């Protein structure tokens, strides 16, 4: 069984890997472009698995979990590069949503 990793630990693990195996971070603009590319790869899988598009032969070996992990990896890289504590950011994001959306979704007739 694999040990659970907190977001903070994940940020440290990625940073350690970059500094030992990866040599250095790609610059922020490059990592943003890589992030968009990875999101596109996940979107391609989703469109084929859950949407109307059919799988091509080259799509059959793709791994959705791996694509999600690629997205998380690059997002963590960007957070590390820009000094964002993702744990703190996530807590603040929950606070924002809890205030803004307190009744929004339960009152939405489309969701009932």
PDB file of N, CA and C in Angstrom:
ATOM      1  N   UNK A   1       0.847  -1.185   0.000  1.00  0.00           N
ATOM      2  CA  UNK A   1       0.000   0.000   0.000  1.00  0.00           C
ATOM      3  C   UNK A   1       0.890   1.245   0.000  1.00  0.00           C
ATOM      4  N   UNK A   2       0.584   2.175  -0.869  1.00  0.00           N
ATOM      5  CA  UNK A   2       1.376   3.397  -0.972  1.00  0.00           C
ATOM      6  C   UNK A   2       0.968   4.396   0.096  1.00  0.00           C
ATOM      7  N   UNK A   3       1.965   5.118   0.574  1.00  0.00           N
ATOM      8  CA  UNK A   3       1.739   6.142   1.591  1.00  0.00           C
ATOM      9  C   UNK A   3       0.994   7.321   0.976  1.00  0.00           C
ATOM     10  N   UNK A   4       0.000   7.820   1.701  1.00  0.00           N
ATOM     11  CA  UNK A   4      -0.686   9.026   1.248  1.00  0.00           C
ATOM     12  C   UNK A   4       0.283  10.197   1.293  1.00  0.00           C
ATOM     13  N   UNK A   5       0.104  11.127   0.384  1.00  0.00           N
ATOM     14  CA  UNK A   5       0.960  12.301   0.287  1.00  0.00           C
ATOM     15  C   UNK A   5       0.084  13.535   0.405  1.00  0.00           C
ATOM     16  N   UNK A   6       0.444  14.434   1.295  1.00  0.00           N
ATOM     17  CA  UNK A   6      -0.281  15.702   1.382  1.00  0.00           C
ATOM     18  C   UNK A   6       0.106  16.576   0.195  1.00  0.00           C
ATOM     19  N   UNK A   7      -0.653  17.616  -0.022  1.00  0.00           N
ATOM     20  CA  UNK A   7      -0.319  18.545  -1.107  1.00  0.00           C
ATOM     21  C   UNK A   7       1.050  19.174  -0.849  1.00  0.00           C
ATOM     22  N   UNK A   8       1.296  19.546   0.389  1.00  0.00           N
ATOM     23  CA  UNK A   8       2.584  20.141   0.751  1.00  0.00           C
ATOM     24  C   UNK A   8       3.736  19.166   0.498  1.00  0.00           C
ATOM     25  N   UNK A   9       3.530  17.911   0.869  1.00  0.00           N
ATOM     26  CA  UNK A   9       4.557  16.900   0.608  1.00  0.00           C
ATOM     27  C   UNK A   9       4.766  16.712  -0.888  1.00  0.00           C
ATOM     28  N   UNK A  10       3.684  16.733  -1.650  1.00  0.00           N
ATOM     29  CA  UNK A  10       3.786  16.597  -3.107  1.00  0.00           C
ATOM     30  C   UNK A  10       4.604  17.748  -3.687  1.00  0.00           C
ATOM     31  N   UNK A  11       4.375  18.958  -3.191  1.00  0.00           N
ATOM     32  CA  UNK A  11       5.155  20.096  -3.674  1.00  0.00           C
ATOM     33  C   UNK A  11       6.638  19.883  -3.385  1.00  0.00           C
ATOM     34  N   UNK A  12       6.953  19.355  -2.217  1.00  0.00           N
ATOM     35  CA  UNK A  12       8.355  19.110  -1.859  1.00  0.00           C
ATOM     36  C   UNK A  12       8.944  17.962  -2.683  1.00  0.00           C
ATOM     37  N   UNK A  13       8.175  16.895  -2.892  1.00  0.00           N
ATOM     38  CA  UNK A  13       8.653  15.767  -3.691  1.00  0.00           C
ATOM     39  C   UNK A  13       8.966  16.186  -5.126  1.00  0.00           C
ATOM     40  N   UNK A  14       8.077  16.983  -5.721  1.00  0.00           N
ATOM     41  CA  UNK A  14       8.318  17.459  -7.088  1.00  0.00           C
ATOM     42  C   UNK A  14       9.552  18.349  -7.121  1.00  0.00           C
ATOM     43  N   UNK A  15       9.679  19.237  -6.157  1.00  0.00           N
ATOM     44  CA  UNK A  15      10.845  20.126  -6.107  1.00  0.00           C
ATOM     45  C   UNK A  15      12.134  19.319  -5.970  1.00  0.00           C
ATOM     46  N   UNK A  16      12.135  18.335  -5.090  1.00  0.00           N
ATOM     47  CA  UNK A  16      13.317  17.485  -4.916  1.00  0.00           C
ATOM     48  C   UNK A  16      13.658  16.752  -6.207  1.00  0.00           C
ATOM     49  N   UNK A  17      12.647  16.225  -6.895  1.00  0.00           N
ATOM     50  CA  UNK A  17      12.877  15.501  -8.142  1.00  0.00           C
ATOM     51  C   UNK A  17      13.459  16.431  -9.213  1.00  0.00           C
ATOM     52  N   UNK A  18      12.857  17.608  -9.333  1.00  0.00           N
ATOM     53  CA  UNK A  18      13.334  18.567 -10.334  1.00  0.00           C
ATOM     54  C   UNK A  18      14.803  18.894 -10.091  1.00  0.00           C
ATOM     55  N   UNK A  19      15.170  19.119  -8.847  1.00  0.00           N
ATOM     56  CA  UNK A  19      16.534  19.537  -8.518  1.00  0.00           C
ATOM     57  C   UNK A  19      17.556  18.409  -8.596  1.00  0.00           C
ATOM     58  N   UNK A  20      17.107  17.156  -8.585  1.00  0.00           N
ATOM     59  CA  UNK A  20      18.052  16.045  -8.647  1.00  0.00           C
ATOM     60  C   UNK A  20      18.038  15.323  -9.991  1.00  0.00           C
ATOM     61  N   UNK A  21      16.862  15.029 -10.509  1.00  0.00           N
ATOM     62  CA  UNK A  21      16.736  14.289 -11.764  1.00  0.00           C
ATOM     63  C   UNK A  21      16.454  15.226 -12.933  1.00  0.00           C
ATOM     64  N   UNK A  22      15.596  16.180 -12.708  1.00  0.00           N
ATOM     65  CA  UNK A  22      15.155  17.060 -13.789  1.00  0.00           C
ATOM     66  C   UNK A  22      16.111  18.195 -14.118  1.00  0.00           C
ATOM     67  N   UNK A  23      17.144  18.378 -13.354  1.00  0.00           N
ATOM     68  CA  UNK A  23      18.176  19.405 -13.508  1.00  0.00           C
ATOM     69  C   UNK A  23      17.672  20.778 -13.092  1.00  0.00           C
ATOM     70  N   UNK A  24      16.591  21.255 -13.709  1.00  0.00           N
ATOM     71  CA  UNK A  24      16.010  22.547 -13.345  1.00  0.00           C
ATOM     72  C   UNK A  24      14.577  22.593 -13.845  1.00  0.00           C
ATOM     73  N   UNK A  25      13.823  23.566 -13.328  1.00  0.00           N
ATOM     74  CA  UNK A  25      12.461  23.786 -13.822  1.00  0.00           C
ATOM     75  C   UNK A  25      12.522  24.393 -15.213  1.00  0.00           C
ATOM     76  N   UNK A  26      11.569  24.001 -16.080  1.00  0.00           N
ATOM     77  CA  UNK A  26      11.340  24.772 -17.294  1.00  0.00           C
ATOM     78  C   UNK A  26      10.811  26.125 -16.840  1.00  0.00           C
ATOM     79  N   UNK A  27      10.956  27.159 -17.668  1.00  0.00           N
ATOM     80  CA  UNK A  27      10.435  28.451 -17.218  1.00  0.00           C
ATOM     81  C   UNK A  27       8.916  28.417 -17.139  1.00  0.00           C
ATOM     82  N   UNK A  28       8.352  29.410 -16.480  1.00  0.00           N
ATOM     83  CA  UNK A  28       6.916  29.430 -16.194  1.00  0.00           C
ATOM     84  C   UNK A  28       6.061  29.406 -17.461  1.00  0.00           C
ATOM     85  N   UNK A  29       6.488  30.110 -18.484  1.00  0.00           N
ATOM     86  CA  UNK A  29       5.716  30.124 -19.722  1.00  0.00           C
ATOM     87  C   UNK A  29       5.734  28.746 -20.380  1.00  0.00           C
ATOM     88  N   UNK A  30       6.892  28.107 -20.399  1.00  0.00           N
ATOM     89  CA  UNK A  30       6.979  26.755 -20.957  1.00  0.00           C
ATOM     90  C   UNK A  30       6.096  25.801 -20.167  1.00  0.00           C
ATOM     91  N   UNK A  31       6.149  25.879 -18.841  1.00  0.00           N
ATOM     92  CA  UNK A  31       5.318  24.989 -18.027  1.00  0.00           C
ATOM     93  C   UNK A  31       3.837  25.275 -18.212  1.00  0.00           C
ATOM     94  N   UNK A  32       3.456  26.522 -18.438  1.00  0.00           N
ATOM     95  CA  UNK A  32       2.049  26.831 -18.710  1.00  0.00           C
ATOM     96  C   UNK A  32       1.619  26.176 -20.022  1.00  0.00           C
ATOM     97  N   UNK A  33       2.474  26.256 -21.032  1.00  0.00           N
ATOM     98  CA  UNK A  33       2.161  25.617 -22.310  1.00  0.00           C
ATOM     99  C   UNK A  33       2.079  24.097 -22.153  1.00  0.00           C
ATOM    100  N   UNK A  34       2.987  23.516 -21.372  1.00  0.00           N
ATOM    101  CA  UNK A  34       2.952  22.073 -21.115  1.00  0.00           C
ATOM    102  C   UNK A  34       1.665  21.701 -20.386  1.00  0.00           C
ATOM    103  N   UNK A  35       1.253  22.528 -19.420  1.00  0.00           N
ATOM    104  CA  UNK A  35       0.007  22.271 -18.692  1.00  0.00           C
ATOM    105  C   UNK A  35      -1.178  22.231 -19.653  1.00  0.00           C
ATOM    106  N   UNK A  36      -1.232  23.188 -20.568  1.00  0.00           N
ATOM    107  CA  UNK A  36      -2.336  23.216 -21.538  1.00  0.00           C
ATOM    108  C   UNK A  36      -2.296  21.969 -22.422  1.00  0.00           C
ATOM    109  N   UNK A  37      -1.098  21.546 -22.804  1.00  0.00           N
ATOM    110  CA  UNK A  37      -0.954  20.339 -23.612  1.00  0.00           C
ATOM    111  C   UNK A  37      -1.475  19.113 -22.853  1.00  0.00           C
ATOM    112  N   UNK A  38      -1.108  18.996 -21.584  1.00  0.00           N
ATOM    113  CA  UNK A  38      -1.555  17.866 -20.774  1.00  0.00           C
ATOM    114  C   UNK A  38      -3.068  17.889 -20.579  1.00  0.00           C
ATOM    115  N   UNK A  39      -3.644  19.054 -20.360  1.00  0.00           N
ATOM    116  CA  UNK A  39      -5.106  19.160 -20.231  1.00  0.00           C
ATOM    117  C   UNK A  39      -5.769  18.727 -21.540  1.00  0.00           C
ATOM    118  N   UNK A  40      -5.168  19.110 -22.651  1.00  0.00           N
ATOM    119  CA  UNK A  40      -5.695  18.689 -23.951  1.00  0.00           C
ATOM    120  C   UNK A  40      -5.668  17.177 -24.127  1.00  0.00           C
ATOM    121  N   UNK A  41      -4.605  16.535 -23.637  1.00  0.00           N
ATOM    122  CA  UNK A  41      -4.518  15.077 -23.724  1.00  0.00           C
ATOM    123  C   UNK A  41      -5.614  14.417 -22.895  1.00  0.00           C
ATOM    124  N   UNK A  42      -5.891  14.961 -21.721  1.00  0.00           N
ATOM    125  CA  UNK A  42      -6.981  14.433 -20.906  1.00  0.00           C
ATOM    126  C   UNK A  42      -8.323  14.677 -21.596  1.00  0.00           C
ATOM    127  N   UNK A  43      -8.501  15.855 -22.162  1.00  0.00           N
ATOM    128  CA  UNK A  43      -9.748  16.178 -22.858  1.00  0.00           C
ATOM    129  C   UNK A  43      -9.994  15.206 -24.014  1.00  0.00           C
ATOM    130  N   UNK A  44      -8.934  14.835 -24.697  1.00  0.00           N
ATOM    131  CA  UNK A  44      -9.058  13.885 -25.806  1.00  0.00           C
ATOM    132  C   UNK A  44      -9.583  12.542 -25.300  1.00  0.00           C
ATOM    133  N   UNK A  45      -9.034  12.074 -24.190  1.00  0.00           N
ATOM    134  CA  UNK A  45      -9.484  10.809 -23.604  1.00  0.00           C
ATOM    135  C   UNK A  45     -10.946  10.919 -23.163  1.00  0.00           C
ATOM    136  N   UNK A  46     -11.294  12.006 -22.493  1.00  0.00           N
ATOM    137  CA  UNK A  46     -12.658  12.194 -21.996  1.00  0.00           C
ATOM    138  C   UNK A  46     -13.662  12.236 -23.150  1.00  0.00           C
ATOM    139  N   UNK A  47     -13.290  12.915 -24.240  1.00  0.00           N
ATOM    140  CA  UNK A  47     -14.192  13.017 -25.387  1.00  0.00           C
ATOM    141  C   UNK A  47     -14.453  11.655 -26.013  1.00  0.00           C
ATOM    142  N   UNK A  48     -13.468  10.784 -25.925  1.00  0.00           N
ATOM    143  CA  UNK A  48     -13.632   9.463 -26.511  1.00  0.00           C
ATOM    144  C   UNK A  48     -14.308   8.485 -25.549  1.00  0.00           C
ATOM    145  N   UNK A  49     -13.960   8.574 -24.281  1.00  0.00           N
ATOM    146  CA  UNK A  49     -14.522   7.634 -23.304  1.00  0.00           C
ATOM    147  C   UNK A  49     -15.947   8.007 -22.904  1.00  0.00           C
ATOM    148  N   UNK A  50     -16.212   9.298 -22.707  1.00  0.00           N
ATOM    149  CA  UNK A  50     -17.522   9.725 -22.205  1.00  0.00           C
ATOM    150  C   UNK A  50     -18.323  10.537 -23.222  1.00  0.00           C
ATOM    151  N   UNK A  51     -17.680  10.983 -24.275  1.00  0.00           N
ATOM    152  CA  UNK A  51     -18.353  11.787 -25.290  1.00  0.00           C
ATOM    153  C   UNK A  51     -18.703  10.963 -26.513  1.00  0.00           C
ATOM    154  N   UNK A  52     -18.956  11.641 -27.591  1.00  0.00           N
ATOM    155  CA  UNK A  52     -19.403  10.985 -28.817  1.00  0.00           C
ATOM    156  C   UNK A  52     -18.270  10.556 -29.740  1.00  0.00           C
ATOM    157  N   UNK A  53     -17.048  11.017 -29.465  1.00  0.00           N
ATOM    158  CA  UNK A  53     -15.944  10.638 -30.354  1.00  0.00           C
ATOM    159  C   UNK A  53     -15.552   9.187 -30.142  1.00  0.00           C
ATOM    160  N   UNK A  54     -15.125   8.547 -31.214  1.00  0.00           N
ATOM    161  CA  UNK A  54     -14.688   7.155 -31.105  1.00  0.00           C
ATOM    162  C   UNK A  54     -13.167   7.113 -30.914  1.00  0.00           C
ATOM    163  N   UNK A  55     -12.713   6.040 -30.294  1.00  0.00           N
ATOM    164  CA  UNK A  55     -11.281   5.860 -30.085  1.00  0.00           C
ATOM    165  C   UNK A  55     -10.600   5.552 -31.405  1.00  0.00           C
ATOM    166  N   UNK A  56      -9.444   6.151 -31.597  1.00  0.00           N
ATOM    167  CA  UNK A  56      -8.574   5.791 -32.708  1.00  0.00           C
ATOM    168  C   UNK A  56      -7.634   4.723 -32.180  1.00  0.00           C
ATOM    169  N   UNK A  57      -7.010   3.996 -33.070  1.00  0.00           N
ATOM    170  CA  UNK A  57      -6.080   2.954 -32.646  1.00  0.00           C
ATOM    171  C   UNK A  57      -5.002   3.522 -31.728  1.00  0.00           C
ATOM    172  N   UNK A  58      -4.529   4.733 -32.032  1.00  0.00           N
ATOM    173  CA  UNK A  58      -3.462   5.353 -31.231  1.00  0.00           C
ATOM    174  C   UNK A  58      -3.949   5.789 -29.846  1.00  0.00           C
ATOM    175  N   UNK A  59      -5.266   5.873 -29.649  1.00  0.00           N
ATOM    176  CA  UNK A  59      -5.833   6.298 -28.362  1.00  0.00           C
ATOM    177  C   UNK A  59      -6.034   5.133 -27.401  1.00  0.00           C
ATOM    178  N   UNK A  60      -5.972   3.921 -27.889  1.00  0.00           N
ATOM    179  CA  UNK A  60      -6.379   2.775 -27.074  1.00  0.00           C
ATOM    180  C   UNK A  60      -5.429   2.479 -25.923  1.00  0.00           C
ATOM    181  N   UNK A  61      -4.204   2.937 -25.995  1.00  0.00           N
ATOM    182  CA  UNK A  61      -3.230   2.646 -24.944  1.00  0.00           C
ATOM    183  C   UNK A  61      -3.102   3.777 -23.925  1.00  0.00           C
ATOM    184  N   UNK A  62      -3.890   4.830 -24.059  1.00  0.00           N
ATOM    185  CA  UNK A  62      -3.769   5.970 -23.152  1.00  0.00           C
ATOM    186  C   UNK A  62      -4.318   5.623 -21.771  1.00  0.00           C
ATOM    187  N   UNK A  63      -3.766   6.295 -20.772  1.00  0.00           N
ATOM    188  CA  UNK A  63      -4.107   6.024 -19.387  1.00  0.00           C
ATOM    189  C   UNK A  63      -4.612   7.323 -18.767  1.00  0.00           C
ATOM    190  N   UNK A  64      -5.909   7.374 -18.469  1.00  0.00           N
ATOM    191  CA  UNK A  64      -6.518   8.594 -17.946  1.00  0.00           C
ATOM    192  C   UNK A  64      -5.876   9.024 -16.628  1.00  0.00           C
ATOM    193  N   UNK A  65      -5.608   8.089 -15.734  1.00  0.00           N
ATOM    194  CA  UNK A  65      -4.994   8.427 -14.446  1.00  0.00           C
ATOM    195  C   UNK A  65      -3.612   9.040 -14.648  1.00  0.00           C
ATOM    196  N   UNK A  66      -2.855   8.499 -15.584  1.00  0.00           N
ATOM    197  CA  UNK A  66      -1.526   9.037 -15.856  1.00  0.00           C
ATOM    198  C   UNK A  66      -1.612  10.453 -16.408  1.00  0.00           C
ATOM    199  N   UNK A  67      -2.593  10.703 -17.261  1.00  0.00           N
ATOM    200  CA  UNK A  67      -2.769  12.055 -17.806  1.00  0.00           C
ATOM    201  C   UNK A  67      -3.142  13.033 -16.694  1.00  0.00           C
ATOM    202  N   UNK A  68      -3.995  12.603 -15.761  1.00  0.00           N
ATOM    203  CA  UNK A  68      -4.343  13.465 -14.629  1.00  0.00           C
ATOM    204  C   UNK A  68      -3.123  13.729 -13.755  1.00  0.00           C
ATOM    205  N   UNK A  69      -2.302  12.715 -13.560  1.00  0.00           N
ATOM    206  CA  UNK A  69      -1.079  12.899 -12.774  1.00  0.00           C
ATOM    207  C   UNK A  69      -0.122  13.855 -13.472  1.00  0.00           C
ATOM    208  N   UNK A  70      -0.037  13.796 -14.803  1.00  0.00           N
ATOM    209  CA  UNK A  70       0.799  14.746 -15.548  1.00  0.00           C
ATOM    210  C   UNK A  70       0.337  16.181 -15.308  1.00  0.00           C
ATOM    211  N   UNK A  71      -0.978  16.379 -15.315  1.00  0.00           N
ATOM    212  CA  UNK A  71      -1.539  17.716 -15.068  1.00  0.00           C
ATOM    213  C   UNK A  71      -1.177  18.178 -13.666  1.00  0.00           C
ATOM    214  N   UNK A  72      -1.361  17.309 -12.691  1.00  0.00           N
ATOM    215  CA  UNK A  72      -1.037  17.652 -11.307  1.00  0.00           C
ATOM    216  C   UNK A  72       0.444  17.985 -11.165  1.00  0.00           C
ATOM    217  N   UNK A  73       1.300  17.203 -11.799  1.00  0.00           N
ATOM    218  CA  UNK A  73       2.755  17.422 -11.747  1.00  0.00           C
ATOM    219  C   UNK A  73       3.115  18.825 -12.240  1.00  0.00           C
ATOM    220  N   UNK A  74       2.611  19.179 -13.416  1.00  0.00           N
ATOM    221  CA  UNK A  74       2.967  20.479 -13.991  1.00  0.00           C
ATOM    222  C   UNK A  74       2.350  21.610 -13.184  1.00  0.00           C
ATOM    223  N   UNK A  75       1.146  21.423 -12.672  1.00  0.00           N
ATOM    224  CA  UNK A  75       0.534  22.439 -11.819  1.00  0.00           C
ATOM    225  C   UNK A  75       1.372  22.651 -10.560  1.00  0.00           C
ATOM    226  N   UNK A  76       1.865  21.570  -9.981  1.00  0.00           N
ATOM    227  CA  UNK A  76       2.734  21.679  -8.807  1.00  0.00           C
ATOM    228  C   UNK A  76       4.024  22.398  -9.173  1.00  0.00           C
ATOM    229  N   UNK A  77       4.581  22.104 -10.325  1.00  0.00           N
ATOM    230  CA  UNK A  77       5.782  22.818 -10.780  1.00  0.00           C
ATOM    231  C   UNK A  77       5.521  24.317 -10.831  1.00  0.00           C
ATOM    232  N   UNK A  78       4.405  24.699 -11.434  1.00  0.00           N
ATOM    233  CA  UNK A  78       4.073  26.124 -11.531  1.00  0.00           C
ATOM    234  C   UNK A  78       3.875  26.752 -10.158  1.00  0.00           C
ATOM    235  N   UNK A  79       3.237  26.032  -9.265  1.00  0.00           N
ATOM    236  CA  UNK A  79       3.056  26.549  -7.901  1.00  0.00           C
ATOM    237  C   UNK A  79       4.409  26.750  -7.230  1.00  0.00           C
ATOM    238  N   UNK A  80       5.285  25.768  -7.348  1.00  0.00           N
ATOM    239  CA  UNK A  80       6.615  25.890  -6.751  1.00  0.00           C
ATOM    240  C   UNK A  80       7.382  27.075  -7.328  1.00  0.00           C
ATOM    241  N   UNK A  81       7.307  27.237  -8.624  1.00  0.00           N
ATOM    242  CA  UNK A  81       8.047  28.315  -9.285  1.00  0.00           C
ATOM    243  C   UNK A  81       7.544  29.697  -8.912  1.00  0.00           C
ATOM    244  N   UNK A  82       6.266  29.798  -8.621  1.00  0.00           N
ATOM    245  CA  UNK A  82       5.665  31.105  -8.375  1.00  0.00           C
ATOM    246  C   UNK A  82       5.397  31.366  -6.899  1.00  0.00           C
ATOM    247  N   UNK A  83       5.851  30.452  -6.040  1.00  0.00           N
ATOM    248  CA  UNK A  83       5.719  30.656  -4.602  1.00  0.00           C
ATOM    249  C   UNK A  83       4.321  30.441  -4.056  1.00  0.00           C
ATOM    250  N   UNK A  84       3.517  29.644  -4.745  1.00  0.00           N
ATOM    251  CA  UNK A  84       2.154  29.377  -4.287  1.00  0.00           C
ATOM    252  C   UNK A  84       2.149  28.142  -3.395  1.00  0.00           C
ATOM    253  N   UNK A  85       1.610  28.291  -2.195  1.00  0.00           N
ATOM    254  CA  UNK A  85       1.383  27.167  -1.288  1.00  0.00           C
ATOM    255  C   UNK A  85       0.010  26.617  -1.647  1.00  0.00           C
ATOM    256  N   UNK A  86      -0.010  25.472  -2.323  1.00  0.00           N
ATOM    257  CA  UNK A  86      -1.282  24.939  -2.814  1.00  0.00           C
ATOM    258  C   UNK A  86      -2.230  24.522  -1.693  1.00  0.00           C
ATOM    259  N   UNK A  87      -1.700  24.110  -0.556  1.00  0.00           N
ATOM    260  CA  UNK A  87      -2.569  23.772   0.578  1.00  0.00           C
ATOM    261  C   UNK A  87      -3.331  25.002   1.030  1.00  0.00           C
ATOM    262  N   UNK A  88      -2.616  26.089   1.222  1.00  0.00           N
ATOM    263  CA  UNK A  88      -3.243  27.353   1.631  1.00  0.00           C
ATOM    264  C   UNK A  88      -4.211  27.847   0.553  1.00  0.00           C
ATOM    265  N   UNK A  89      -3.789  27.749  -0.701  1.00  0.00           N
ATOM    266  CA  UNK A  89      -4.649  28.201  -1.800  1.00  0.00           C
ATOM    267  C   UNK A  89      -5.944  27.405  -1.857  1.00  0.00           C
ATOM    268  N   UNK A  90      -5.857  26.092  -1.626  1.00  0.00           N
ATOM    269  CA  UNK A  90      -7.058  25.264  -1.658  1.00  0.00           C
ATOM    270  C   UNK A  90      -8.000  25.614  -0.511  1.00  0.00           C
ATOM    271  N   UNK A  91      -7.444  25.816   0.684  1.00  0.00           N
ATOM    272  CA  UNK A  91      -8.288  26.221   1.824  1.00  0.00           C
ATOM    273  C   UNK A  91      -8.996  27.545   1.537  1.00  0.00           C
ATOM    274  N   UNK A  92      -8.266  28.506   0.999  1.00  0.00           N
ATOM    275  CA  UNK A  92      -8.862  29.805   0.674  1.00  0.00           C
ATOM    276  C   UNK A  92      -9.921  29.666  -0.412  1.00  0.00           C
ATOM    277  N   UNK A  93      -9.701  28.748  -1.353  1.00  0.00           N
ATOM    278  CA  UNK A  93     -10.661  28.534  -2.421  1.00  0.00           C
ATOM    279  C   UNK A  93     -11.953  27.933  -1.882  1.00  0.00           C
ATOM    280  N   UNK A  94     -11.835  26.992  -0.930  1.00  0.00           N
ATOM    281  CA  UNK A  94     -13.030  26.450  -0.273  1.00  0.00           C
ATOM    282  C   UNK A  94     -13.786  27.556   0.458  1.00  0.00           C
ATOM    283  N   UNK A  95     -13.053  28.410   1.186  1.00  0.00           N
ATOM    284  CA  UNK A  95     -13.696  29.512   1.901  1.00  0.00           C
ATOM    285  C   UNK A  95     -14.481  30.391   0.936  1.00  0.00           C
ATOM    286  N   UNK A  96     -13.860  30.733  -0.189  1.00  0.00           N
ATOM    287  CA  UNK A  96     -14.515  31.571  -1.197  1.00  0.00           C
ATOM    288  C   UNK A  96     -15.781  30.909  -1.715  1.00  0.00           C
ATOM    289  N   UNK A  97     -15.676  29.628  -2.063  1.00  0.00           N
ATOM    290  CA  UNK A  97     -16.830  28.915  -2.604  1.00  0.00           C
ATOM    291  C   UNK A  97     -17.937  28.753  -1.564  1.00  0.00           C
ATOM    292  N   UNK A  98     -17.572  28.515  -0.316  1.00  0.00           N
ATOM    293  CA  UNK A  98     -18.580  28.351   0.738  1.00  0.00           C
ATOM    294  C   UNK A  98     -19.356  29.632   0.980  1.00  0.00           C
ATOM    295  N   UNK A  99     -18.721  30.762   0.805  1.00  0.00           N
ATOM    296  CA  UNK A  99     -19.409  32.050   0.961  1.00  0.00           C
ATOM    297  C   UNK A  99     -20.238  32.356  -0.290  1.00  0.00           C
ATOM    298  N   UNK A 100     -19.610  32.257  -1.430  1.00  0.00           N
ATOM    299  CA  UNK A 100     -20.253  32.632  -2.686  1.00  0.00           C
ATOM    300  C   UNK A 100     -21.387  31.683  -3.069  1.00  0.00           C
ATOM    301  N   UNK A 101     -21.223  30.405  -2.807  1.00  0.00           N
ATOM    302  CA  UNK A 101     -22.145  29.410  -3.332  1.00  0.00           C
ATOM    303  C   UNK A 101     -23.024  28.768  -2.268  1.00  0.00           C
ATOM    304  N   UNK A 102     -23.180  29.417  -1.120  1.00  0.00           N
ATOM    305  CA  UNK A 102     -23.909  28.832   0.004  1.00  0.00           C
ATOM    306  C   UNK A 102     -25.291  28.316  -0.406  1.00  0.00           C
ATOM    307  N   UNK A 103     -25.993  29.037  -1.253  1.00  0.00           N
ATOM    308  CA  UNK A 103     -27.317  28.606  -1.703  1.00  0.00           C
ATOM    309  C   UNK A 103     -27.387  28.403  -3.208  1.00  0.00           C
ATOM    310  N   UNK A 104     -26.376  28.819  -3.902  1.00  0.00           N
ATOM    311  CA  UNK A 104     -26.391  28.847  -5.369  1.00  0.00           C
ATOM    312  C   UNK A 104     -26.728  27.485  -5.980  1.00  0.00           C
ATOM    313  N   UNK A 105     -26.073  26.437  -5.551  1.00  0.00           N
ATOM    314  CA  UNK A 105     -26.257  25.149  -6.207  1.00  0.00           C
ATOM    315  C   UNK A 105     -27.516  24.415  -5.734  1.00  0.00           C
ATOM    316  N   UNK A 106     -27.822  24.510  -4.448  1.00  0.00           N
ATOM    317  CA  UNK A 106     -29.021  23.808  -3.973  1.00  0.00           C
ATOM    318  C   UNK A 106     -30.292  24.484  -4.475  1.00  0.00           C
ATOM    319  N   UNK A 107     -30.228  25.748  -4.858  1.00  0.00           N
ATOM    320  CA  UNK A 107     -31.378  26.453  -5.422  1.00  0.00           C
ATOM    321  C   UNK A 107     -31.441  26.375  -6.945  1.00  0.00           C
ATOM    322  N   UNK A 108     -30.472  25.712  -7.546  1.00  0.00           N
ATOM    323  CA  UNK A 108     -30.416  25.602  -8.996  1.00  0.00           C
ATOM    324  C   UNK A 108     -31.303  24.457  -9.450  1.00  0.00           C
ATOM    325  N   UNK A 109     -32.403  24.784 -10.099  1.00  0.00           N
ATOM    326  CA  UNK A 109     -33.384  23.777 -10.544  1.00  0.00           C
ATOM    327  C   UNK A 109     -32.767  22.777 -11.532  1.00  0.00           C
ATOM    328  N   UNK A 110     -31.759  23.195 -12.260  1.00  0.00           N
ATOM    329  CA  UNK A 110     -31.099  22.303 -13.223  1.00  0.00           C
ATOM    330  C   UNK A 110     -30.346  21.174 -12.532  1.00  0.00           C
ATOM    331  N   UNK A 111     -29.986  21.358 -11.280  1.00  0.00           N
ATOM    332  CA  UNK A 111     -29.223  20.348 -10.556  1.00  0.00           C
ATOM    333  C   UNK A 111     -30.094  19.395  -9.728  1.00  0.00           C
ATOM    334  N   UNK A 112     -31.381  19.674  -9.693  1.00  0.00           N
ATOM    335  CA  UNK A 112     -32.271  18.853  -8.872  1.00  0.00           C
ATOM    336  C   UNK A 112     -32.903  17.731  -9.658  1.00  0.00           C
TER     337      UNK A 112
END
